[in-house]
Protein backbone atom coordinates (compact mmCIF):
# COMPACT_ATOMS: atom_id res chain seq x y z
CA MET A 1 -43.80 -29.52 77.75
CA PRO A 2 -40.16 -28.87 78.85
CA LYS A 3 -39.67 -26.88 82.04
CA LEU A 4 -37.09 -24.32 83.13
CA LEU A 5 -34.55 -25.68 85.56
CA LYS A 6 -32.75 -23.81 88.33
CA ILE A 7 -29.14 -22.99 87.49
CA ILE A 8 -26.68 -23.64 90.35
CA THR A 9 -24.22 -20.70 90.71
CA HIS A 10 -20.73 -20.48 92.07
CA PRO A 11 -19.78 -21.03 94.85
CA ASN A 12 -21.43 -24.41 95.29
CA ASP A 13 -19.82 -27.76 96.04
CA ILE A 14 -21.87 -29.54 93.35
CA LEU A 15 -19.98 -27.51 90.71
CA GLN A 16 -16.63 -28.87 91.98
CA LYS A 17 -17.52 -32.63 92.02
CA LYS A 18 -16.55 -35.10 89.35
CA SER A 19 -19.72 -36.46 87.70
CA GLN A 20 -20.76 -40.10 87.56
CA GLU A 21 -21.10 -42.03 84.26
CA ILE A 22 -24.61 -42.75 83.05
CA SER A 23 -25.74 -46.35 82.24
CA ARG A 24 -27.38 -47.27 78.94
CA GLU A 25 -30.49 -48.34 80.92
CA THR A 26 -30.74 -44.84 82.42
CA ILE A 27 -30.32 -43.19 78.97
CA LYS A 28 -33.41 -45.15 77.75
CA SER A 29 -35.58 -44.08 80.68
CA LYS A 30 -38.41 -41.61 80.28
CA GLU A 31 -37.10 -39.52 83.21
CA PHE A 32 -33.71 -39.12 81.53
CA GLN A 33 -35.29 -38.08 78.23
CA ILE A 34 -37.40 -35.46 80.00
CA LEU A 35 -34.26 -34.24 81.75
CA CYS A 36 -32.58 -33.81 78.31
CA ASP A 37 -35.52 -31.73 77.06
CA ASP A 38 -35.59 -29.60 80.16
CA MET A 39 -31.87 -28.97 80.01
CA PHE A 40 -32.11 -27.83 76.36
CA GLU A 41 -35.08 -25.57 77.18
CA THR A 42 -33.21 -24.01 80.13
CA MET A 43 -30.00 -23.50 78.07
CA ILE A 44 -32.01 -21.70 75.32
CA LYS A 45 -34.09 -19.56 77.66
CA LYS A 46 -30.96 -18.56 79.67
CA ASP A 47 -29.11 -17.69 76.40
CA GLY A 48 -26.38 -20.34 76.83
CA ILE A 49 -24.43 -22.23 74.25
CA GLY A 50 -24.03 -25.25 76.51
CA LEU A 51 -25.34 -26.62 79.82
CA ALA A 52 -23.89 -29.41 81.92
CA ALA A 53 -25.85 -31.46 84.44
CA PRO A 54 -23.85 -30.25 87.49
CA GLN A 55 -25.07 -26.78 86.63
CA ILE A 56 -28.64 -27.94 87.45
CA GLY A 57 -27.56 -29.86 90.55
CA LYS A 58 -27.02 -33.30 89.05
CA ASN A 59 -23.56 -34.84 89.13
CA ILE A 60 -23.97 -37.01 86.06
CA CYS A 61 -21.99 -37.03 82.80
CA LEU A 62 -24.54 -35.19 80.63
CA SER A 63 -24.22 -31.94 78.73
CA VAL A 64 -26.32 -30.32 76.04
CA ILE A 65 -24.68 -28.16 73.38
CA ASN A 66 -26.45 -25.80 71.05
CA SER A 67 -24.97 -26.51 67.58
CA ARG A 68 -26.23 -24.86 64.45
CA GLU A 69 -27.90 -28.00 63.11
CA GLU A 70 -29.47 -29.52 66.27
CA PRO A 71 -28.83 -29.82 69.99
CA LEU A 72 -26.05 -32.24 70.87
CA TYR A 73 -26.62 -34.31 74.03
CA ILE A 74 -23.22 -35.56 75.01
CA ILE A 75 -23.20 -38.38 77.58
CA ASN A 76 -20.09 -39.86 79.17
CA PRO A 77 -17.80 -37.81 76.87
CA ARG A 78 -14.06 -38.52 76.61
CA ILE A 79 -11.59 -36.35 74.71
CA ILE A 80 -9.34 -38.86 72.88
CA LYS A 81 -7.20 -36.44 70.93
CA LYS A 82 -6.17 -32.77 71.24
CA SER A 83 -4.45 -30.53 68.74
CA TRP A 84 -1.00 -29.11 69.61
CA SER A 85 -2.31 -25.68 68.69
CA LYS A 86 -4.14 -23.71 71.29
CA GLU A 87 -5.95 -20.45 71.20
CA TRP A 88 -7.21 -17.86 73.72
CA GLY A 89 -10.87 -16.98 73.73
CA GLU A 90 -13.35 -15.21 75.98
CA GLU A 91 -15.62 -17.45 78.00
CA GLY A 92 -18.51 -16.99 80.31
CA CYS A 93 -20.77 -19.39 82.17
CA LEU A 94 -24.34 -19.57 83.31
CA SER A 95 -23.10 -20.78 86.70
CA VAL A 96 -20.75 -17.78 87.08
CA PRO A 97 -23.13 -14.97 86.00
CA ASN A 98 -21.76 -11.75 84.61
CA VAL A 99 -18.13 -12.89 84.76
CA PHE A 100 -15.93 -13.28 81.71
CA GLY A 101 -12.32 -14.25 81.16
CA LYS A 102 -9.82 -15.40 78.57
CA VAL A 103 -9.18 -19.19 78.54
CA LYS A 104 -6.57 -21.05 76.48
CA ARG A 105 -7.99 -24.15 74.90
CA ASN A 106 -7.01 -26.67 72.23
CA SER A 107 -8.14 -25.40 68.85
CA LYS A 108 -9.30 -28.86 67.75
CA ILE A 109 -10.23 -32.02 69.65
CA THR A 110 -11.65 -35.46 68.96
CA CYS A 111 -14.25 -36.60 71.43
CA VAL A 112 -16.32 -39.80 71.79
CA TYR A 113 -19.62 -39.76 73.61
CA ILE A 114 -23.07 -41.39 73.68
CA ASP A 115 -26.03 -39.50 72.33
CA ARG A 116 -29.47 -39.49 73.95
CA ASN A 117 -30.46 -42.42 71.75
CA GLY A 118 -27.65 -44.59 73.15
CA LYS A 119 -25.56 -44.35 69.95
CA LYS A 120 -21.77 -43.96 70.25
CA ILE A 121 -20.56 -40.77 68.44
CA LYS A 122 -17.11 -39.65 67.45
CA ILE A 123 -16.72 -35.93 66.61
CA SER A 124 -13.82 -33.64 65.89
CA PRO A 125 -14.91 -30.05 66.52
CA LYS A 126 -12.66 -27.12 66.02
CA GLY A 127 -12.75 -23.41 66.91
CA LEU A 128 -15.74 -22.26 68.97
CA MET A 129 -17.38 -25.74 69.05
CA ALA A 130 -14.10 -27.32 70.36
CA ARG A 131 -14.03 -24.62 73.03
CA VAL A 132 -17.61 -25.36 74.06
CA PHE A 133 -16.97 -29.11 74.24
CA GLN A 134 -13.93 -28.55 76.48
CA HIS A 135 -15.84 -26.07 78.66
CA GLU A 136 -18.71 -28.52 79.15
CA ILE A 137 -16.41 -31.54 79.78
CA ASP A 138 -14.60 -29.44 82.37
CA HIS A 139 -17.97 -29.01 84.19
CA LEU A 140 -18.38 -32.80 84.29
CA ASP A 141 -14.85 -33.01 85.86
CA GLY A 142 -15.78 -30.40 88.53
CA ILE A 143 -13.72 -27.57 86.87
CA LEU A 144 -15.06 -24.02 86.30
CA PHE A 145 -13.64 -21.77 83.60
CA ILE A 146 -12.62 -19.19 86.20
CA GLU A 147 -9.99 -21.67 87.47
CA LYS A 148 -8.29 -21.49 84.05
CA ALA A 149 -9.13 -17.91 83.02
CA LYS A 150 -6.89 -14.80 82.75
CA ASN A 151 -8.12 -11.22 82.65
CA ILE A 152 -11.32 -11.97 84.58
CA LYS A 153 -13.79 -9.14 84.51
CA ASN A 154 -17.35 -8.57 85.85
CA ASN A 155 -20.01 -7.10 83.59
């Protein structure tokens, strides 16, 4: 049964550190698979669209994204291509509660990552999903959306 994890909130040094890559052996471990389930459960219960491991106090390259079809577990992601076109959009973050701001992001990206089964995946999301990928990958690089945002407001 997945459990709810504590979300680390800003300011906290963990959120500003670059995360470590995850080995294939670790991905196969029972502990890692339980962590994936717990992160998904936490994201859903906290009404998030994505959750990165640093947000739960672990500086490892793992994020979960709530896509329409199924959860995406993105491990060791790398953006390999970005569109020239960018768009502004409002973002929020579970680690910066009740704060929103406009962030300019690439409207389409191509990303490679490893899924929770150890399979290499290449994906080219656009629009909102491209924004979510970029937001989550920023977390793994120790960057919060508020560092890039304009028109920041508290709700």
